[in-house]
Amino acid sequence: SDLLGGTPAAVIGLLSREARMVVLGSRHLSRTAEFFSAGS
């Protein structure tokens, strides 16, 4: 495990370069919010 500084999307995006897969939980956003929400 790692506690890293940075915005979650940027941090996980960078880690994807060395990963075989990225797994994220759902925040139960609507389809519109999934695309446009800062929480997505």
PDB file of all heavy atoms in Angstrom:
ATOM      1  N   SER A   1       0.841  -1.200   0.000  1.00  0.00           N
ATOM      2  CA  SER A   1       0.000   0.000   0.000  1.00  0.00           C
ATOM      3  C   SER A   1       0.872   1.244   0.000  1.00  0.00           C
ATOM      4  O   SER A   1       2.030   1.204   0.432  1.00  0.00           O
ATOM      5  CB  SER A   1      -0.943   0.002   1.208  1.00  0.00           C
ATOM      6  OG  SER A   1      -0.199   0.109   2.401  1.00  0.00           O
ATOM      7  N   ASP A   2       0.292   2.329  -0.500  1.00  0.00           N
ATOM      8  CA  ASP A   2       0.970   3.628  -0.518  1.00  0.00           C
ATOM      9  C   ASP A   2      -0.024   4.743  -0.277  1.00  0.00           C
ATOM     10  O   ASP A   2      -1.118   4.748  -0.850  1.00  0.00           O
ATOM     11  CB  ASP A   2       1.632   3.888  -1.875  1.00  0.00           C
ATOM     12  CG  ASP A   2       3.031   3.330  -1.967  1.00  0.00           C
ATOM     13  OD1 ASP A   2       3.777   3.440  -0.981  1.00  0.00           O
ATOM     14  OD2 ASP A   2       3.366   2.793  -3.029  1.00  0.00           O
ATOM     15  N   LEU A   3       0.372   5.685   0.544  1.00  0.00           N
ATOM     16  CA  LEU A   3      -0.342   6.938   0.738  1.00  0.00           C
ATOM     17  C   LEU A   3       0.445   7.974  -0.054  1.00  0.00           C
ATOM     18  O   LEU A   3       1.593   8.271   0.285  1.00  0.00           O
ATOM     19  CB  LEU A   3      -0.383   7.294   2.226  1.00  0.00           C
ATOM     20  CG  LEU A   3      -1.114   8.567   2.607  1.00  0.00           C
ATOM     21  CD1 LEU A   3      -2.613   8.395   2.380  1.00  0.00           C
ATOM     22  CD2 LEU A   3      -0.840   8.898   4.070  1.00  0.00           C
ATOM     23  N   LEU A   4      -0.155   8.483  -1.127  1.00  0.00           N
ATOM     24  CA  LEU A   4       0.560   9.373  -2.037  1.00  0.00           C
ATOM     25  C   LEU A   4      -0.114  10.734  -2.097  1.00  0.00           C
ATOM     26  O   LEU A   4      -1.329  10.844  -1.963  1.00  0.00           O
ATOM     27  CB  LEU A   4       0.611   8.754  -3.438  1.00  0.00           C
ATOM     28  CG  LEU A   4       1.276   7.383  -3.519  1.00  0.00           C
ATOM     29  CD1 LEU A   4       1.081   6.776  -4.900  1.00  0.00           C
ATOM     30  CD2 LEU A   4       2.748   7.491  -3.172  1.00  0.00           C
ATOM     31  N   GLY A   5       0.678  11.752  -2.312  1.00  0.00           N
ATOM     32  CA  GLY A   5       0.145  13.091  -2.473  1.00  0.00           C
ATOM     33  C   GLY A   5      -0.181  13.371  -3.927  1.00  0.00           C
ATOM     34  O   GLY A   5       0.549  12.955  -4.825  1.00  0.00           O
ATOM     35  N   GLY A   6      -1.276  14.055  -4.155  1.00  0.00           N
ATOM     36  CA  GLY A   6      -1.683  14.435  -5.504  1.00  0.00           C
ATOM     37  C   GLY A   6      -3.156  14.180  -5.709  1.00  0.00           C
ATOM     38  O   GLY A   6      -3.816  13.566  -4.885  1.00  0.00           O
ATOM     39  N   THR A   7      -3.666  14.672  -6.820  1.00  0.00           N
ATOM     40  CA  THR A   7      -5.076  14.420  -7.112  1.00  0.00           C
ATOM     41  C   THR A   7      -5.247  12.948  -7.448  1.00  0.00           C
ATOM     42  O   THR A   7      -4.396  12.360  -8.119  1.00  0.00           O
ATOM     43  CB  THR A   7      -5.576  15.296  -8.270  1.00  0.00           C
ATOM     44  OG1 THR A   7      -4.796  15.006  -9.428  1.00  0.00           O
ATOM     45  CG2 THR A   7      -5.489  16.781  -7.945  1.00  0.00           C
ATOM     46  N   PRO A   8      -6.319  12.329  -6.984  1.00  0.00           N
ATOM     47  CA  PRO A   8      -6.491  10.889  -7.196  1.00  0.00           C
ATOM     48  C   PRO A   8      -6.406  10.459  -8.661  1.00  0.00           C
ATOM     49  O   PRO A   8      -5.738   9.469  -8.971  1.00  0.00           O
ATOM     50  CB  PRO A   8      -7.870  10.609  -6.594  1.00  0.00           C
ATOM     51  CG  PRO A   8      -7.998  11.641  -5.508  1.00  0.00           C
ATOM     52  CD  PRO A   8      -7.351  12.866  -6.082  1.00  0.00           C
ATOM     53  N   ALA A   9      -7.049  11.176  -9.569  1.00  0.00           N
ATOM     54  CA  ALA A   9      -7.020  10.774 -10.982  1.00  0.00           C
ATOM     55  C   ALA A   9      -5.595  10.808 -11.538  1.00  0.00           C
ATOM     56  O   ALA A   9      -5.180   9.896 -12.255  1.00  0.00           O
ATOM     57  CB  ALA A   9      -7.936  11.665 -11.815  1.00  0.00           C
ATOM     58  N   ALA A  10      -4.829  11.824 -11.196  1.00  0.00           N
ATOM     59  CA  ALA A  10      -3.457  11.933 -11.699  1.00  0.00           C
ATOM     60  C   ALA A  10      -2.560  10.853 -11.098  1.00  0.00           C
ATOM     61  O   ALA A  10      -1.769  10.224 -11.800  1.00  0.00           O
ATOM     62  CB  ALA A  10      -2.899  13.323 -11.397  1.00  0.00           C
ATOM     63  N   VAL A  11      -2.691  10.627  -9.796  1.00  0.00           N
ATOM     64  CA  VAL A  11      -1.858   9.624  -9.121  1.00  0.00           C
ATOM     65  C   VAL A  11      -2.134   8.235  -9.671  1.00  0.00           C
ATOM     66  O   VAL A  11      -1.220   7.490 -10.031  1.00  0.00           O
ATOM     67  CB  VAL A  11      -2.092   9.674  -7.587  1.00  0.00           C
ATOM     68  CG1 VAL A  11      -1.499   8.461  -6.897  1.00  0.00           C
ATOM     69  CG2 VAL A  11      -1.516  10.955  -7.004  1.00  0.00           C
ATOM     70  N   ILE A  12      -3.407   7.865  -9.751  1.00  0.00           N
ATOM     71  CA  ILE A  12      -3.758   6.523 -10.228  1.00  0.00           C
ATOM     72  C   ILE A  12      -3.437   6.384 -11.711  1.00  0.00           C
ATOM     73  O   ILE A  12      -2.990   5.334 -12.164  1.00  0.00           O
ATOM     74  CB  ILE A  12      -5.222   6.202  -9.902  1.00  0.00           C
ATOM     75  CG1 ILE A  12      -5.374   6.115  -8.372  1.00  0.00           C
ATOM     76  CG2 ILE A  12      -5.660   4.896 -10.562  1.00  0.00           C
ATOM     77  CD1 ILE A  12      -6.784   6.011  -7.874  1.00  0.00           C
ATOM     78  N   GLY A  13      -3.616   7.461 -12.468  1.00  0.00           N
ATOM     79  CA  GLY A  13      -3.237   7.426 -13.881  1.00  0.00           C
ATOM     80  C   GLY A  13      -1.752   7.147 -14.064  1.00  0.00           C
ATOM     81  O   GLY A  13      -1.364   6.343 -14.920  1.00  0.00           O
ATOM     82  N   LEU A  14      -0.916   7.771 -13.262  1.00  0.00           N
ATOM     83  CA  LEU A  14       0.531   7.519 -13.336  1.00  0.00           C
ATOM     84  C   LEU A  14       0.870   6.089 -12.933  1.00  0.00           C
ATOM     85  O   LEU A  14       1.707   5.443 -13.553  1.00  0.00           O
ATOM     86  CB  LEU A  14       1.291   8.502 -12.448  1.00  0.00           C
ATOM     87  CG  LEU A  14       1.452   9.915 -12.984  1.00  0.00           C
ATOM     88  CD1 LEU A  14       2.067  10.815 -11.912  1.00  0.00           C
ATOM     89  CD2 LEU A  14       2.312   9.923 -14.232  1.00  0.00           C
ATOM     90  N   LEU A  15       0.208   5.593 -11.909  1.00  0.00           N
ATOM     91  CA  LEU A  15       0.472   4.226 -11.455  1.00  0.00           C
ATOM     92  C   LEU A  15       0.030   3.185 -12.487  1.00  0.00           C
ATOM     93  O   LEU A  15       0.555   2.073 -12.512  1.00  0.00           O
ATOM     94  CB  LEU A  15      -0.223   3.961 -10.125  1.00  0.00           C
ATOM     95  CG  LEU A  15       0.339   4.729  -8.925  1.00  0.00           C
ATOM     96  CD1 LEU A  15      -0.542   4.517  -7.703  1.00  0.00           C
ATOM     97  CD2 LEU A  15       1.774   4.322  -8.633  1.00  0.00           C
ATOM     98  N   SER A  16      -0.895   3.552 -13.347  1.00  0.00           N
ATOM     99  CA  SER A  16      -1.382   2.608 -14.359  1.00  0.00           C
ATOM    100  C   SER A  16      -0.282   2.226 -15.343  1.00  0.00           C
ATOM    101  O   SER A  16      -0.375   1.187 -15.994  1.00  0.00           O
ATOM    102  CB  SER A  16      -2.573   3.194 -15.118  1.00  0.00           C
ATOM    103  OG  SER A  16      -2.155   4.164 -16.071  1.00  0.00           O
ATOM    104  N   ARG A  17       0.750   3.034 -15.425  1.00  0.00           N
ATOM    105  CA  ARG A  17       1.853   2.744 -16.363  1.00  0.00           C
ATOM    106  C   ARG A  17       2.582   1.458 -16.014  1.00  0.00           C
ATOM    107  O   ARG A  17       3.153   0.806 -16.878  1.00  0.00           O
ATOM    108  CB  ARG A  17       2.840   3.907 -16.392  1.00  0.00           C
ATOM    109  CG  ARG A  17       2.245   5.154 -16.984  1.00  0.00           C
ATOM    110  CD  ARG A  17       3.227   6.288 -16.985  1.00  0.00           C
ATOM    111  NE  ARG A  17       2.580   7.487 -17.507  1.00  0.00           N
ATOM    112  CZ  ARG A  17       3.080   8.685 -17.409  1.00  0.00           C
ATOM    113  NH1 ARG A  17       4.256   8.864 -16.824  1.00  0.00           N
ATOM    114  NH2 ARG A  17       2.440   9.709 -17.898  1.00  0.00           N
ATOM    115  N   GLU A  18       2.560   1.093 -14.731  1.00  0.00           N
ATOM    116  CA  GLU A  18       3.249  -0.116 -14.272  1.00  0.00           C
ATOM    117  C   GLU A  18       2.274  -1.225 -13.895  1.00  0.00           C
ATOM    118  O   GLU A  18       2.693  -2.266 -13.421  1.00  0.00           O
ATOM    119  CB  GLU A  18       4.122   0.221 -13.049  1.00  0.00           C
ATOM    120  CG  GLU A  18       5.146   1.307 -13.300  1.00  0.00           C
ATOM    121  CD  GLU A  18       6.202   0.896 -14.307  1.00  0.00           C
ATOM    122  OE1 GLU A  18       6.599  -0.283 -14.304  1.00  0.00           O
ATOM    123  OE2 GLU A  18       6.615   1.756 -15.105  1.00  0.00           O
ATOM    124  N   ALA A  19       0.980  -0.987 -14.080  1.00  0.00           N
ATOM    125  CA  ALA A  19      -0.032  -1.941 -13.622  1.00  0.00           C
ATOM    126  C   ALA A  19      -0.569  -2.780 -14.773  1.00  0.00           C
ATOM    127  O   ALA A  19      -0.517  -2.385 -15.931  1.00  0.00           O
ATOM    128  CB  ALA A  19      -1.188  -1.180 -12.971  1.00  0.00           C
ATOM    129  N   ARG A  20      -1.089  -3.941 -14.429  1.00  0.00           N
ATOM    130  CA  ARG A  20      -1.797  -4.780 -15.395  1.00  0.00           C
ATOM    131  C   ARG A  20      -3.274  -4.403 -15.436  1.00  0.00           C
ATOM    132  O   ARG A  20      -3.961  -4.655 -16.408  1.00  0.00           O
ATOM    133  CB  ARG A  20      -1.677  -6.250 -15.003  1.00  0.00           C
ATOM    134  CG  ARG A  20      -0.266  -6.795 -15.031  1.00  0.00           C
ATOM    135  CD  ARG A  20       0.136  -7.446 -16.335  1.00  0.00           C
ATOM    136  NE  ARG A  20      -0.807  -8.382 -16.887  1.00  0.00           N
ATOM    137  CZ  ARG A  20      -0.861  -9.687 -16.631  1.00  0.00           C
ATOM    138  NH1 ARG A  20       0.011 -10.219 -15.798  1.00  0.00           N
ATOM    139  NH2 ARG A  20      -1.755 -10.443 -17.186  1.00  0.00           N
ATOM    140  N   MET A  21      -3.770  -3.795 -14.332  1.00  0.00           N
ATOM    141  CA  MET A  21      -5.174  -3.424 -14.233  1.00  0.00           C
ATOM    142  C   MET A  21      -5.323  -2.409 -13.103  1.00  0.00           C
ATOM    143  O   MET A  21      -4.579  -2.447 -12.129  1.00  0.00           O
ATOM    144  CB  MET A  21      -5.998  -4.684 -13.925  1.00  0.00           C
ATOM    145  CG  MET A  21      -7.479  -4.499 -13.861  1.00  0.00           C
ATOM    146  SD  MET A  21      -8.324  -6.064 -13.434  1.00  0.00           S
ATOM    147  CE  MET A  21      -7.834  -7.110 -14.797  1.00  0.00           C
ATOM    148  N   VAL A  22      -6.301  -1.509 -13.247  1.00  0.00           N
ATOM    149  CA  VAL A  22      -6.667  -0.572 -12.188  1.00  0.00           C
ATOM    150  C   VAL A  22      -8.102  -0.885 -11.786  1.00  0.00           C
ATOM    151  O   VAL A  22      -8.967  -1.049 -12.648  1.00  0.00           O
ATOM    152  CB  VAL A  22      -6.558   0.894 -12.666  1.00  0.00           C
ATOM    153  CG1 VAL A  22      -7.155   1.845 -11.640  1.00  0.00           C
ATOM    154  CG2 VAL A  22      -5.117   1.269 -12.960  1.00  0.00           C
ATOM    155  N   VAL A  23      -8.352  -0.963 -10.487  1.00  0.00           N
ATOM    156  CA  VAL A  23      -9.688  -1.241  -9.974  1.00  0.00           C
ATOM    157  C   VAL A  23     -10.133  -0.067  -9.113  1.00  0.00           C
ATOM    158  O   VAL A  23      -9.412   0.354  -8.209  1.00  0.00           O
ATOM    159  CB  VAL A  23      -9.722  -2.544  -9.152  1.00  0.00           C
ATOM    160  CG1 VAL A  23     -11.108  -2.801  -8.591  1.00  0.00           C
ATOM    161  CG2 VAL A  23      -9.241  -3.722  -9.996  1.00  0.00           C
ATOM    162  N   LEU A  24     -11.320   0.441  -9.432  1.00  0.00           N
ATOM    163  CA  LEU A  24     -11.903   1.561  -8.698  1.00  0.00           C
ATOM    164  C   LEU A  24     -13.306   1.191  -8.249  1.00  0.00           C
ATOM    165  O   LEU A  24     -14.027   0.500  -8.967  1.00  0.00           O
ATOM    166  CB  LEU A  24     -11.979   2.809  -9.583  1.00  0.00           C
ATOM    167  CG  LEU A  24     -10.659   3.316 -10.148  1.00  0.00           C
ATOM    168  CD1 LEU A  24     -10.913   4.399 -11.185  1.00  0.00           C
ATOM    169  CD2 LEU A  24      -9.772   3.827  -9.032  1.00  0.00           C
ATOM    170  N   GLY A  25     -13.698   1.683  -7.093  1.00  0.00           N
ATOM    171  CA  GLY A  25     -15.068   1.491  -6.633  1.00  0.00           C
ATOM    172  C   GLY A  25     -15.973   2.527  -7.257  1.00  0.00           C
ATOM    173  O   GLY A  25     -15.523   3.545  -7.788  1.00  0.00           O
ATOM    174  N   SER A  26     -17.238   2.271  -7.190  1.00  0.00           N
ATOM    175  CA  SER A  26     -18.232   3.197  -7.722  1.00  0.00           C
ATOM    176  C   SER A  26     -18.615   4.201  -6.654  1.00  0.00           C
ATOM    177  O   SER A  26     -18.708   3.873  -5.480  1.00  0.00           O
ATOM    178  CB  SER A  26     -19.473   2.429  -8.161  1.00  0.00           C
ATOM    179  OG  SER A  26     -20.509   3.327  -8.485  1.00  0.00           O
ATOM    180  N   ARG A  27     -18.853   5.414  -7.076  1.00  0.00           N
ATOM    181  CA  ARG A  27     -19.377   6.422  -6.157  1.00  0.00           C
ATOM    182  C   ARG A  27     -20.869   6.610  -6.389  1.00  0.00           C
ATOM    183  O   ARG A  27     -21.462   7.559  -5.930  1.00  0.00           O
ATOM    184  CB  ARG A  27     -18.623   7.731  -6.342  1.00  0.00           C
ATOM    185  CG  ARG A  27     -17.136   7.557  -6.029  1.00  0.00           C
ATOM    186  CD  ARG A  27     -16.413   8.838  -6.057  1.00  0.00           C
ATOM    187  NE  ARG A  27     -16.129   9.181  -4.670  1.00  0.00           N
ATOM    188  CZ  ARG A  27     -15.568  10.299  -4.306  1.00  0.00           C
ATOM    189  NH1 ARG A  27     -15.239  11.189  -5.187  1.00  0.00           N
ATOM    190  NH2 ARG A  27     -15.336  10.534  -3.036  1.00  0.00           N
ATOM    191  N   HIS A  28     -21.459   5.712  -7.163  1.00  0.00           N
ATOM    192  CA  HIS A  28     -22.887   5.715  -7.478  1.00  0.00           C
ATOM    193  C   HIS A  28     -23.343   7.052  -8.056  1.00  0.00           C
ATOM    194  O   HIS A  28     -24.358   7.603  -7.659  1.00  0.00           O
ATOM    195  CB  HIS A  28     -23.723   5.330  -6.251  1.00  0.00           C
ATOM    196  CG  HIS A  28     -23.358   3.988  -5.718  1.00  0.00           C
ATOM    197  ND1 HIS A  28     -23.568   2.820  -6.418  1.00  0.00           N
ATOM    198  CD2 HIS A  28     -22.748   3.611  -4.571  1.00  0.00           C
ATOM    199  CE1 HIS A  28     -23.136   1.798  -5.721  1.00  0.00           C
ATOM    200  NE2 HIS A  28     -22.615   2.239  -4.598  1.00  0.00           N
ATOM    201  N   LEU A  29     -22.557   7.554  -8.995  1.00  0.00           N
ATOM    202  CA  LEU A  29     -22.903   8.788  -9.696  1.00  0.00           C
ATOM    203  C   LEU A  29     -23.787   8.458 -10.892  1.00  0.00           C
ATOM    204  O   LEU A  29     -23.710   7.365 -11.448  1.00  0.00           O
ATOM    205  CB  LEU A  29     -21.631   9.483 -10.189  1.00  0.00           C
ATOM    206  CG  LEU A  29     -20.609   9.862  -9.117  1.00  0.00           C
ATOM    207  CD1 LEU A  29     -19.339  10.382  -9.769  1.00  0.00           C
ATOM    208  CD2 LEU A  29     -21.181  10.902  -8.185  1.00  0.00           C
ATOM    209  N   SER A  30     -24.579   9.429 -11.291  1.00  0.00           N
ATOM    210  CA  SER A  30     -25.357   9.249 -12.516  1.00  0.00           C
ATOM    211  C   SER A  30     -24.403   9.242 -13.703  1.00  0.00           C
ATOM    212  O   SER A  30     -23.227   9.612 -13.578  1.00  0.00           O
ATOM    213  CB  SER A  30     -26.356  10.404 -12.675  1.00  0.00           C
ATOM    214  OG  SER A  30     -25.650  11.612 -12.938  1.00  0.00           O
ATOM    215  N   ARG A  31     -24.894   8.842 -14.870  1.00  0.00           N
ATOM    216  CA  ARG A  31     -24.023   8.829 -16.051  1.00  0.00           C
ATOM    217  C   ARG A  31     -23.474  10.219 -16.352  1.00  0.00           C
ATOM    218  O   ARG A  31     -22.316  10.374 -16.703  1.00  0.00           O
ATOM    219  CB  ARG A  31     -24.768   8.293 -17.258  1.00  0.00           C
ATOM    220  CG  ARG A  31     -24.949   6.815 -17.189  1.00  0.00           C
ATOM    221  CD  ARG A  31     -25.540   6.300 -18.470  1.00  0.00           C
ATOM    222  NE  ARG A  31     -25.852   4.911 -18.286  1.00  0.00           N
ATOM    223  CZ  ARG A  31     -25.364   3.949 -19.043  1.00  0.00           C
ATOM    224  NH1 ARG A  31     -24.601   4.235 -20.057  1.00  0.00           N
ATOM    225  NH2 ARG A  31     -25.665   2.706 -18.799  1.00  0.00           N
ATOM    226  N   THR A  32     -24.307  11.224 -16.208  1.00  0.00           N
ATOM    227  CA  THR A  32     -23.853  12.595 -16.458  1.00  0.00           C
ATOM    228  C   THR A  32     -22.785  12.991 -15.452  1.00  0.00           C
ATOM    229  O   THR A  32     -21.737  13.526 -15.820  1.00  0.00           O
ATOM    230  CB  THR A  32     -25.043  13.576 -16.378  1.00  0.00           C
ATOM    231  OG1 THR A  32     -26.030  13.171 -17.323  1.00  0.00           O
ATOM    232  CG2 THR A  32     -24.600  14.994 -16.662  1.00  0.00           C
ATOM    233  N   ALA A  33     -23.033  12.717 -14.175  1.00  0.00           N
ATOM    234  CA  ALA A  33     -22.060  13.062 -13.137  1.00  0.00           C
ATOM    235  C   ALA A  33     -20.772  12.273 -13.308  1.00  0.00           C
ATOM    236  O   ALA A  33     -19.687  12.773 -13.011  1.00  0.00           O
ATOM    237  CB  ALA A  33     -22.648  12.828 -11.751  1.00  0.00           C
ATOM    238  N   GLU A  34     -20.872  11.032 -13.794  1.00  0.00           N
ATOM    239  CA  GLU A  34     -19.685  10.205 -14.027  1.00  0.00           C
ATOM    240  C   GLU A  34     -18.729  10.909 -14.997  1.00  0.00           C
ATOM    241  O   GLU A  34     -17.516  10.828 -14.869  1.00  0.00           O
ATOM    242  CB  GLU A  34     -20.104   8.849 -14.588  1.00  0.00           C
ATOM    243  CG  GLU A  34     -19.031   7.813 -14.584  1.00  0.00           C
ATOM    244  CD  GLU A  34     -18.777   7.200 -13.223  1.00  0.00           C
ATOM    245  OE1 GLU A  34     -19.723   6.745 -12.583  1.00  0.00           O
ATOM    246  OE2 GLU A  34     -17.606   7.189 -12.809  1.00  0.00           O
ATOM    247  N   PHE A  35     -19.284  11.636 -15.958  1.00  0.00           N
ATOM    248  CA  PHE A  35     -18.459  12.327 -16.951  1.00  0.00           C
ATOM    249  C   PHE A  35     -18.045  13.730 -16.516  1.00  0.00           C
ATOM    250  O   PHE A  35     -16.957  14.176 -16.840  1.00  0.00           O
ATOM    251  CB  PHE A  35     -19.189  12.415 -18.293  1.00  0.00           C
ATOM    252  CG  PHE A  35     -19.115  11.151 -19.077  1.00  0.00           C
ATOM    253  CD1 PHE A  35     -20.128  10.216 -19.004  1.00  0.00           C
ATOM    254  CD2 PHE A  35     -18.014  10.876 -19.868  1.00  0.00           C
ATOM    255  CE1 PHE A  35     -20.054   9.034 -19.715  1.00  0.00           C
ATOM    256  CE2 PHE A  35     -17.926   9.699 -20.585  1.00  0.00           C
ATOM    257  CZ  PHE A  35     -18.952   8.769 -20.507  1.00  0.00           C
ATOM    258  N   PHE A  36     -18.921  14.432 -15.804  1.00  0.00           N
ATOM    259  CA  PHE A  36     -18.669  15.851 -15.564  1.00  0.00           C
ATOM    260  C   PHE A  36     -18.360  16.224 -14.118  1.00  0.00           C
ATOM    261  O   PHE A  36     -17.930  17.327 -13.853  1.00  0.00           O
ATOM    262  CB  PHE A  36     -19.864  16.680 -16.048  1.00  0.00           C
ATOM    263  CG  PHE A  36     -20.096  16.552 -17.526  1.00  0.00           C
ATOM    264  CD1 PHE A  36     -21.239  15.944 -18.005  1.00  0.00           C
ATOM    265  CD2 PHE A  36     -19.161  17.017 -18.438  1.00  0.00           C
ATOM    266  CE1 PHE A  36     -21.457  15.812 -19.364  1.00  0.00           C
ATOM    267  CE2 PHE A  36     -19.362  16.882 -19.795  1.00  0.00           C
ATOM    268  CZ  PHE A  36     -20.520  16.284 -20.270  1.00  0.00           C
ATOM    269  N   SER A  37     -18.566  15.325 -13.182  1.00  0.00           N
ATOM    270  CA  SER A  37     -18.367  15.643 -11.779  1.00  0.00           C
ATOM    271  C   SER A  37     -16.884  15.620 -11.411  1.00  0.00           C
ATOM    272  O   SER A  37     -16.126  14.759 -11.863  1.00  0.00           O
ATOM    273  CB  SER A  37     -19.107  14.619 -10.909  1.00  0.00           C
ATOM    274  OG  SER A  37     -18.737  14.769  -9.564  1.00  0.00           O
ATOM    275  N   ALA A  38     -16.505  16.549 -10.563  1.00  0.00           N
ATOM    276  CA  ALA A  38     -15.129  16.559 -10.050  1.00  0.00           C
ATOM    277  C   ALA A  38     -14.879  15.344  -9.169  1.00  0.00           C
ATOM    278  O   ALA A  38     -13.742  14.949  -8.960  1.00  0.00           O
ATOM    279  CB  ALA A  38     -14.872  17.843  -9.267  1.00  0.00           C
ATOM    280  N   GLY A  39     -15.948  14.718  -8.658  1.00  0.00           N
ATOM    281  CA  GLY A  39     -15.816  13.548  -7.811  1.00  0.00           C
ATOM    282  C   GLY A  39     -15.635  12.250  -8.572  1.00  0.00           C
ATOM    283  O   GLY A  39     -15.399  11.211  -7.983  1.00  0.00           O
ATOM    284  N   SER A  40     -15.744  12.302  -9.884  1.00  0.00           N
ATOM    285  CA  SER A  40     -15.611  11.089 -10.684  1.00  0.00           C
ATOM    286  C   SER A  40     -14.146  10.759 -10.916  1.00  0.00           C
ATOM    287  O   SER A  40     -13.344  11.621 -11.261  1.00  0.00           O
ATOM    288  CB  SER A  40     -16.302  11.273 -12.031  1.00  0.00           C
ATOM    289  OG  SER A  40     -16.031  10.168 -12.866  1.00  0.00           O
TER     290      SER A  40
END
